[in-house]
Amino acid sequence: MLEHYDLHNLLVIDIETVPQYSTHEQMPPHFQKLWNLKTQYQRKDDTPEDYYQRAGIWAEFGKIVCISAGVFTKGKDGIGLRVKSFAGHDEKELLTRFSAMLFSQPANLILVAHNGKEFDYPYICRRLLINGLPFPPQLQLAGKKPWEIIHLDTMELWKFGDYKNYTSLNLLTAIFDIPTPKDDIDGSMVGHVYWNDNQLDRISTYCQKDVVATAQLIRRYRGEELIKDELITIVGQ
């Protein structure tokens, strides 16, 4: 599976998101009302205030604090991976830098993410629009037929047409004997680590690990050996 794709034309990405405000009380009053309406059927027994810790999963109430991107490299020792993160408190500046990177790449560059079609890709597009930023060609979806959208989703690929199946990246890494990216924090902890612990670097490291895990999953999907640790390079922002 995926053998017909050129590894060097893939960009593996992952995003980390947090609530826009540290607490429900910090939101403007009209947004508090909109939040209460938006989540009335999801939060069950939780109060709107308690449920707000999950606000990062909605692009209308959250923001991106990190995007990590990985490209496959080729050297004399074999296939490697180069990972770079775009992280910061200023989402518009972060998205501007990430977009500039995409604009500098071929328009047919293929984006890859785990659960990307349900989360990462639409979230990035929504936040680009909210911040008044142009869409790079790789994220232009309007007017395209489904087969013209060059996005890959490692979770969708694992479904094999089964629309009822949700499989986490953590489970797939266990199945394929890939080192887990969840050895420090997981997605449910990112908002707390950001707003309470002020540890953006820790979030960036977690995001990079997800990119590495997704890239390794692609290798397994192709029936290939995992990338050696010494051939994985993390570069500065």
C-alpha atoms as a PDB file:
ATOM      1  CA  MET A   1       0.000   0.000   0.000  1.00  0.00           C
ATOM      2  CA  LEU A   2       1.206   3.519  -0.932  1.00  0.00           C
ATOM      3  CA  GLU A   3       4.107   2.062  -2.937  1.00  0.00           C
ATOM      4  CA  HIS A   4       3.151   4.229  -5.936  1.00  0.00           C
ATOM      5  CA  TYR A   5       3.703   7.451  -3.970  1.00  0.00           C
ATOM      6  CA  ASP A   6       7.055   9.214  -4.100  1.00  0.00           C
ATOM      7  CA  LEU A   7       8.114   9.549  -0.458  1.00  0.00           C
ATOM      8  CA  HIS A   8       9.971  12.742  -1.287  1.00  0.00           C
ATOM      9  CA  ASN A   9       6.764  14.395  -2.464  1.00  0.00           C
ATOM     10  CA  LEU A  10       5.052  13.871   0.899  1.00  0.00           C
ATOM     11  CA  LEU A  11       4.880  16.360   3.767  1.00  0.00           C
ATOM     12  CA  VAL A  12       3.866  14.749   7.061  1.00  0.00           C
ATOM     13  CA  ILE A  13       2.186  17.209   9.414  1.00  0.00           C
ATOM     14  CA  ASP A  14       0.597  17.383  12.845  1.00  0.00           C
ATOM     15  CA  ILE A  15      -0.946  20.292  14.729  1.00  0.00           C
ATOM     16  CA  GLU A  16      -1.468  21.037  18.412  1.00  0.00           C
ATOM     17  CA  THR A  17      -4.337  23.258  19.459  1.00  0.00           C
ATOM     18  CA  VAL A  18      -5.497  24.867  22.701  1.00  0.00           C
ATOM     19  CA  PRO A  19      -8.479  26.932  23.882  1.00  0.00           C
ATOM     20  CA  GLN A  20      -8.164  30.590  22.868  1.00  0.00           C
ATOM     21  CA  TYR A  21      -8.541  31.669  26.496  1.00  0.00           C
ATOM     22  CA  SER A  22      -7.134  30.179  29.669  1.00  0.00           C
ATOM     23  CA  THR A  23     -10.605  29.706  31.216  1.00  0.00           C
ATOM     24  CA  HIS A  24     -14.258  29.935  30.276  1.00  0.00           C
ATOM     25  CA  GLU A  25     -14.532  33.103  32.363  1.00  0.00           C
ATOM     26  CA  GLN A  26     -11.884  34.837  30.246  1.00  0.00           C
ATOM     27  CA  MET A  27     -14.017  34.561  27.092  1.00  0.00           C
ATOM     28  CA  PRO A  28     -16.049  37.607  26.036  1.00  0.00           C
ATOM     29  CA  PRO A  29     -19.657  37.205  27.266  1.00  0.00           C
ATOM     30  CA  HIS A  30     -21.149  36.728  23.796  1.00  0.00           C
ATOM     31  CA  PHE A  31     -18.628  33.960  23.089  1.00  0.00           C
ATOM     32  CA  GLN A  32     -19.536  32.297  26.378  1.00  0.00           C
ATOM     33  CA  LYS A  33     -23.147  32.122  25.204  1.00  0.00           C
ATOM     34  CA  LEU A  34     -22.099  30.772  21.811  1.00  0.00           C
ATOM     35  CA  TRP A  35     -19.880  28.183  23.491  1.00  0.00           C
ATOM     36  CA  ASN A  36     -22.732  27.065  25.716  1.00  0.00           C
ATOM     37  CA  LEU A  37     -24.975  26.614  22.669  1.00  0.00           C
ATOM     38  CA  LYS A  38     -22.296  24.886  20.583  1.00  0.00           C
ATOM     39  CA  THR A  39     -21.533  22.275  23.233  1.00  0.00           C
ATOM     40  CA  GLN A  40     -24.958  21.729  24.830  1.00  0.00           C
ATOM     41  CA  TYR A  41     -25.291  18.232  23.346  1.00  0.00           C
ATOM     42  CA  GLN A  42     -21.663  17.154  23.759  1.00  0.00           C
ATOM     43  CA  ARG A  43     -20.891  18.004  27.370  1.00  0.00           C
ATOM     44  CA  LYS A  44     -23.605  15.822  28.964  1.00  0.00           C
ATOM     45  CA  ASP A  45     -23.111  16.201  32.746  1.00  0.00           C
ATOM     46  CA  ASP A  46     -20.230  18.710  32.500  1.00  0.00           C
ATOM     47  CA  THR A  47     -20.855  22.388  33.020  1.00  0.00           C
ATOM     48  CA  PRO A  48     -19.890  24.771  30.189  1.00  0.00           C
ATOM     49  CA  GLU A  49     -17.056  26.006  32.411  1.00  0.00           C
ATOM     50  CA  ASP A  50     -15.643  22.536  33.052  1.00  0.00           C
ATOM     51  CA  TYR A  51     -16.055  21.455  29.434  1.00  0.00           C
ATOM     52  CA  TYR A  52     -14.134  24.500  28.190  1.00  0.00           C
ATOM     53  CA  GLN A  53     -10.850  22.661  28.706  1.00  0.00           C
ATOM     54  CA  ARG A  54     -11.740  20.812  25.478  1.00  0.00           C
ATOM     55  CA  ALA A  55     -12.326  24.005  23.476  1.00  0.00           C
ATOM     56  CA  GLY A  56      -9.126  23.510  21.512  1.00  0.00           C
ATOM     57  CA  ILE A  57     -10.731  20.870  19.313  1.00  0.00           C
ATOM     58  CA  TRP A  58     -13.078  23.467  17.756  1.00  0.00           C
ATOM     59  CA  ALA A  59     -11.480  25.936  15.343  1.00  0.00           C
ATOM     60  CA  GLU A  60     -14.063  28.558  16.339  1.00  0.00           C
ATOM     61  CA  PHE A  61     -12.965  28.489  19.987  1.00  0.00           C
ATOM     62  CA  GLY A  62      -9.372  27.265  19.782  1.00  0.00           C
ATOM     63  CA  LYS A  63      -6.088  28.246  18.205  1.00  0.00           C
ATOM     64  CA  ILE A  64      -3.026  26.489  16.810  1.00  0.00           C
ATOM     65  CA  VAL A  65       0.139  26.737  18.918  1.00  0.00           C
ATOM     66  CA  CYS A  66       2.310  24.312  16.958  1.00  0.00           C
ATOM     67  CA  ILE A  67       2.525  22.775  13.494  1.00  0.00           C
ATOM     68  CA  SER A  68       5.259  20.216  12.941  1.00  0.00           C
ATOM     69  CA  ALA A  69       6.175  19.108   9.430  1.00  0.00           C
ATOM     70  CA  GLY A  70       8.399  16.270   8.287  1.00  0.00           C
ATOM     71  CA  VAL A  71       9.964  15.448   4.920  1.00  0.00           C
ATOM     72  CA  PHE A  72      11.612  12.203   3.906  1.00  0.00           C
ATOM     73  CA  THR A  73      15.279  12.486   3.013  1.00  0.00           C
ATOM     74  CA  LYS A  74      17.631  10.175   1.163  1.00  0.00           C
ATOM     75  CA  GLY A  75      21.296   9.683   1.924  1.00  0.00           C
ATOM     76  CA  LYS A  76      24.001   7.089   1.633  1.00  0.00           C
ATOM     77  CA  ASP A  77      22.748   5.420   4.835  1.00  0.00           C
ATOM     78  CA  GLY A  78      19.150   5.135   3.628  1.00  0.00           C
ATOM     79  CA  ILE A  79      15.825   6.940   4.031  1.00  0.00           C
ATOM     80  CA  GLY A  80      15.732   9.576   6.765  1.00  0.00           C
ATOM     81  CA  LEU A  81      13.309  12.172   8.101  1.00  0.00           C
ATOM     82  CA  ARG A  82      13.750  15.888   8.694  1.00  0.00           C
ATOM     83  CA  VAL A  83      11.250  17.532  11.057  1.00  0.00           C
ATOM     84  CA  LYS A  84      10.679  21.236  11.646  1.00  0.00           C
ATOM     85  CA  SER A  85       8.181  22.898  13.985  1.00  0.00           C
ATOM     86  CA  PHE A  86       6.363  26.208  13.664  1.00  0.00           C
ATOM     87  CA  ALA A  87       5.377  27.104  17.207  1.00  0.00           C
ATOM     88  CA  GLY A  88       4.430  30.261  19.063  1.00  0.00           C
ATOM     89  CA  HIS A  89       1.843  32.184  21.036  1.00  0.00           C
ATOM     90  CA  ASP A  90       0.994  34.411  18.052  1.00  0.00           C
ATOM     91  CA  GLU A  91      -1.092  32.156  15.840  1.00  0.00           C
ATOM     92  CA  LYS A  92      -1.124  34.499  12.848  1.00  0.00           C
ATOM     93  CA  GLU A  93       2.666  34.715  12.824  1.00  0.00           C
ATOM     94  CA  LEU A  94       2.946  30.931  13.161  1.00  0.00           C
ATOM     95  CA  LEU A  95       0.522  30.339  10.288  1.00  0.00           C
ATOM     96  CA  THR A  96       2.290  32.937   8.150  1.00  0.00           C
ATOM     97  CA  ARG A  97       5.593  31.072   8.525  1.00  0.00           C
ATOM     98  CA  PHE A  98       3.997  27.695   7.858  1.00  0.00           C
ATOM     99  CA  SER A  99       2.190  29.040   4.787  1.00  0.00           C
ATOM    100  CA  ALA A 100       5.387  30.616   3.459  1.00  0.00           C
ATOM    101  CA  MET A 101       7.014  27.174   3.643  1.00  0.00           C
ATOM    102  CA  LEU A 102       4.125  25.636   1.674  1.00  0.00           C
ATOM    103  CA  PHE A 103       4.162  28.428  -0.913  1.00  0.00           C
ATOM    104  CA  SER A 104       7.862  27.676  -1.494  1.00  0.00           C
ATOM    105  CA  GLN A 105       7.095  24.020  -2.278  1.00  0.00           C
ATOM    106  CA  PRO A 106       5.591  22.428  -5.420  1.00  0.00           C
ATOM    107  CA  ALA A 107       1.823  22.874  -5.691  1.00  0.00           C
ATOM    108  CA  ASN A 108       1.401  19.105  -5.990  1.00  0.00           C
ATOM    109  CA  LEU A 109       3.126  18.413  -2.663  1.00  0.00           C
ATOM    110  CA  ILE A 110       1.000  15.815  -0.842  1.00  0.00           C
ATOM    111  CA  LEU A 111       0.082  16.460   2.788  1.00  0.00           C
ATOM    112  CA  VAL A 112      -0.143  13.483   5.148  1.00  0.00           C
ATOM    113  CA  ALA A 113      -1.596  13.412   8.680  1.00  0.00           C
ATOM    114  CA  HIS A 114      -3.319  10.974  11.007  1.00  0.00           C
ATOM    115  CA  ASN A 115      -7.012  11.882  11.131  1.00  0.00           C
ATOM    116  CA  GLY A 116      -5.977  14.844   8.991  1.00  0.00           C
ATOM    117  CA  LYS A 117      -9.143  14.986   6.909  1.00  0.00           C
ATOM    118  CA  GLU A 118     -11.319  15.268  10.014  1.00  0.00           C
ATOM    119  CA  PHE A 119      -9.059  17.547  12.033  1.00  0.00           C
ATOM    120  CA  ASP A 120      -5.693  18.929  10.897  1.00  0.00           C
ATOM    121  CA  TYR A 121      -6.512  20.062   7.345  1.00  0.00           C
ATOM    122  CA  PRO A 122      -9.894  21.735   8.025  1.00  0.00           C
ATOM    123  CA  TYR A 123      -8.601  23.255  11.269  1.00  0.00           C
ATOM    124  CA  ILE A 124      -5.649  24.878   9.499  1.00  0.00           C
ATOM    125  CA  CYS A 125      -7.907  26.164   6.711  1.00  0.00           C
ATOM    126  CA  ARG A 126     -10.407  27.652   9.155  1.00  0.00           C
ATOM    127  CA  ARG A 127      -7.725  29.366  11.197  1.00  0.00           C
ATOM    128  CA  LEU A 128      -6.060  30.721   8.037  1.00  0.00           C
ATOM    129  CA  LEU A 129      -9.389  32.225   7.022  1.00  0.00           C
ATOM    130  CA  ILE A 130     -10.064  33.646  10.489  1.00  0.00           C
ATOM    131  CA  ASN A 131      -6.604  35.245  10.519  1.00  0.00           C
ATOM    132  CA  GLY A 132      -7.098  36.734   7.051  1.00  0.00           C
ATOM    133  CA  LEU A 133      -4.301  34.723   5.446  1.00  0.00           C
ATOM    134  CA  PRO A 134      -4.234  33.276   1.907  1.00  0.00           C
ATOM    135  CA  PHE A 135      -4.420  29.539   1.334  1.00  0.00           C
ATOM    136  CA  PRO A 136      -1.303  27.845  -0.028  1.00  0.00           C
ATOM    137  CA  PRO A 137      -2.084  25.775  -3.145  1.00  0.00           C
ATOM    138  CA  GLN A 138      -1.760  22.500  -1.208  1.00  0.00           C
ATOM    139  CA  LEU A 139      -4.738  23.553   0.951  1.00  0.00           C
ATOM    140  CA  GLN A 140      -6.964  24.867  -1.840  1.00  0.00           C
ATOM    141  CA  LEU A 141     -10.069  22.677  -1.719  1.00  0.00           C
ATOM    142  CA  ALA A 142     -12.859  24.851  -3.145  1.00  0.00           C
ATOM    143  CA  GLY A 143     -14.151  23.685  -6.511  1.00  0.00           C
ATOM    144  CA  LYS A 144     -12.032  20.535  -6.572  1.00  0.00           C
ATOM    145  CA  LYS A 145     -13.370  17.070  -7.189  1.00  0.00           C
ATOM    146  CA  PRO A 146     -12.621  14.535  -4.424  1.00  0.00           C
ATOM    147  CA  TRP A 147      -9.946  12.791  -6.491  1.00  0.00           C
ATOM    148  CA  GLU A 148      -8.216  16.130  -7.137  1.00  0.00           C
ATOM    149  CA  ILE A 149      -7.575  16.760  -3.431  1.00  0.00           C
ATOM    150  CA  ILE A 150      -4.046  15.563  -2.763  1.00  0.00           C
ATOM    151  CA  HIS A 151      -4.315  14.842   0.950  1.00  0.00           C
ATOM    152  CA  LEU A 152      -3.540  11.533   2.611  1.00  0.00           C
ATOM    153  CA  ASP A 153      -4.883  10.413   5.977  1.00  0.00           C
ATOM    154  CA  THR A 154      -3.227   7.441   7.671  1.00  0.00           C
ATOM    155  CA  MET A 155      -6.340   6.802   9.753  1.00  0.00           C
ATOM    156  CA  GLU A 156      -8.606   6.805   6.702  1.00  0.00           C
ATOM    157  CA  LEU A 157      -6.221   4.446   4.921  1.00  0.00           C
ATOM    158  CA  TRP A 158      -6.474   2.022   7.859  1.00  0.00           C
ATOM    159  CA  LYS A 159     -10.296   2.020   7.603  1.00  0.00           C
ATOM    160  CA  PHE A 160     -10.229   0.294   4.196  1.00  0.00           C
ATOM    161  CA  GLY A 161     -13.716   1.658   3.554  1.00  0.00           C
ATOM    162  CA  ASP A 162     -15.074   0.928   7.053  1.00  0.00           C
ATOM    163  CA  TYR A 163     -16.659   4.229   8.067  1.00  0.00           C
ATOM    164  CA  LYS A 164     -17.370   3.047  11.609  1.00  0.00           C
ATOM    165  CA  ASN A 165     -13.751   2.434  12.495  1.00  0.00           C
ATOM    166  CA  TYR A 166     -11.684   4.971  14.469  1.00  0.00           C
ATOM    167  CA  THR A 167      -8.137   3.904  15.254  1.00  0.00           C
ATOM    168  CA  SER A 168      -5.774   6.156  17.189  1.00  0.00           C
ATOM    169  CA  LEU A 169      -2.192   6.759  16.170  1.00  0.00           C
ATOM    170  CA  ASN A 170      -1.156   5.368  19.542  1.00  0.00           C
ATOM    171  CA  LEU A 171      -2.877   2.045  18.828  1.00  0.00           C
ATOM    172  CA  LEU A 172      -1.414   1.783  15.339  1.00  0.00           C
ATOM    173  CA  THR A 173       2.107   2.451  16.606  1.00  0.00           C
ATOM    174  CA  ALA A 174       1.624  -0.393  19.088  1.00  0.00           C
ATOM    175  CA  ILE A 175       0.336  -2.752  16.382  1.00  0.00           C
ATOM    176  CA  PHE A 176       3.249  -1.989  14.069  1.00  0.00           C
ATOM    177  CA  ASP A 177       5.872  -1.916  16.833  1.00  0.00           C
ATOM    178  CA  ILE A 178       6.645   1.783  16.374  1.00  0.00           C
ATOM    179  CA  PRO A 179       7.895   3.772  19.391  1.00  0.00           C
ATOM    180  CA  THR A 180       4.909   5.554  20.932  1.00  0.00           C
ATOM    181  CA  PRO A 181       4.683   9.363  20.663  1.00  0.00           C
ATOM    182  CA  LYS A 182       2.573   9.425  23.872  1.00  0.00           C
ATOM    183  CA  ASP A 183       5.413   8.776  26.300  1.00  0.00           C
ATOM    184  CA  ASP A 184       5.121  12.193  27.954  1.00  0.00           C
ATOM    185  CA  ILE A 185       1.791  13.882  27.276  1.00  0.00           C
ATOM    186  CA  ASP A 186      -1.238  13.192  25.088  1.00  0.00           C
ATOM    187  CA  GLY A 187      -3.660  15.438  23.244  1.00  0.00           C
ATOM    188  CA  SER A 188      -5.989  15.854  26.221  1.00  0.00           C
ATOM    189  CA  MET A 189      -3.164  17.438  28.235  1.00  0.00           C
ATOM    190  CA  VAL A 190      -1.977  20.030  25.699  1.00  0.00           C
ATOM    191  CA  GLY A 191      -4.274  22.840  26.868  1.00  0.00           C
ATOM    192  CA  HIS A 192      -3.192  22.422  30.495  1.00  0.00           C
ATOM    193  CA  VAL A 193       0.491  22.229  29.550  1.00  0.00           C
ATOM    194  CA  TYR A 194       0.093  25.440  27.536  1.00  0.00           C
ATOM    195  CA  TRP A 195      -2.074  27.584  29.809  1.00  0.00           C
ATOM    196  CA  ASN A 196      -1.058  26.290  33.244  1.00  0.00           C
ATOM    197  CA  ASP A 197       2.515  25.069  32.804  1.00  0.00           C
ATOM    198  CA  ASN A 198       3.583  27.502  30.041  1.00  0.00           C
ATOM    199  CA  GLN A 199       5.617  24.763  28.354  1.00  0.00           C
ATOM    200  CA  LEU A 200       5.352  25.421  24.631  1.00  0.00           C
ATOM    201  CA  ASP A 201       8.635  23.600  23.981  1.00  0.00           C
ATOM    202  CA  ARG A 202       7.164  20.468  25.556  1.00  0.00           C
ATOM    203  CA  ILE A 203       4.153  20.715  23.250  1.00  0.00           C
ATOM    204  CA  SER A 204       6.443  21.158  20.237  1.00  0.00           C
ATOM    205  CA  THR A 205       8.381  18.027  21.187  1.00  0.00           C
ATOM    206  CA  TYR A 206       5.126  16.071  21.475  1.00  0.00           C
ATOM    207  CA  CYS A 207       3.984  17.378  18.087  1.00  0.00           C
ATOM    208  CA  GLN A 208       7.288  16.359  16.489  1.00  0.00           C
ATOM    209  CA  LYS A 209       6.943  12.856  17.924  1.00  0.00           C
ATOM    210  CA  ASP A 210       3.513  12.531  16.287  1.00  0.00           C
ATOM    211  CA  VAL A 211       5.026  13.488  12.937  1.00  0.00           C
ATOM    212  CA  VAL A 212       7.801  10.924  13.368  1.00  0.00           C
ATOM    213  CA  ALA A 213       5.254   8.247  14.356  1.00  0.00           C
ATOM    214  CA  THR A 214       3.071   9.050  11.328  1.00  0.00           C
ATOM    215  CA  ALA A 215       6.084   8.920   9.011  1.00  0.00           C
ATOM    216  CA  GLN A 216       7.056   5.543  10.471  1.00  0.00           C
ATOM    217  CA  LEU A 217       3.480   4.337   9.975  1.00  0.00           C
ATOM    218  CA  ILE A 218       3.731   5.265   6.296  1.00  0.00           C
ATOM    219  CA  ARG A 219       6.864   3.122   6.086  1.00  0.00           C
ATOM    220  CA  ARG A 220       4.971   0.193   7.623  1.00  0.00           C
ATOM    221  CA  TYR A 221       2.037   0.721   5.239  1.00  0.00           C
ATOM    222  CA  ARG A 222       4.527   0.425   2.384  1.00  0.00           C
ATOM    223  CA  GLY A 223       5.993  -2.761   3.851  1.00  0.00           C
ATOM    224  CA  GLU A 224       9.313  -1.032   4.526  1.00  0.00           C
ATOM    225  CA  GLU A 225      11.700  -0.904   7.447  1.00  0.00           C
ATOM    226  CA  LEU A 226      11.379   1.844  10.049  1.00  0.00           C
ATOM    227  CA  ILE A 227      13.612   4.885   9.724  1.00  0.00           C
ATOM    228  CA  LYS A 228      16.623   4.554  11.983  1.00  0.00           C
ATOM    229  CA  ASP A 229      16.778   6.962  14.927  1.00  0.00           C
ATOM    230  CA  GLU A 230      20.115   8.344  13.771  1.00  0.00           C
ATOM    231  CA  LEU A 231      18.550   9.327  10.449  1.00  0.00           C
ATOM    232  CA  ILE A 232      15.797  11.430  12.077  1.00  0.00           C
ATOM    233  CA  THR A 233      16.752  15.106  12.318  1.00  0.00           C
ATOM    234  CA  ILE A 234      14.874  17.765  14.289  1.00  0.00           C
ATOM    235  CA  VAL A 235      15.713  21.269  13.058  1.00  0.00           C
ATOM    236  CA  GLY A 236      15.073  24.588  14.777  1.00  0.00           C
ATOM    237  CA  GLN A 237      12.049  26.783  14.174  1.00  0.00           C
END
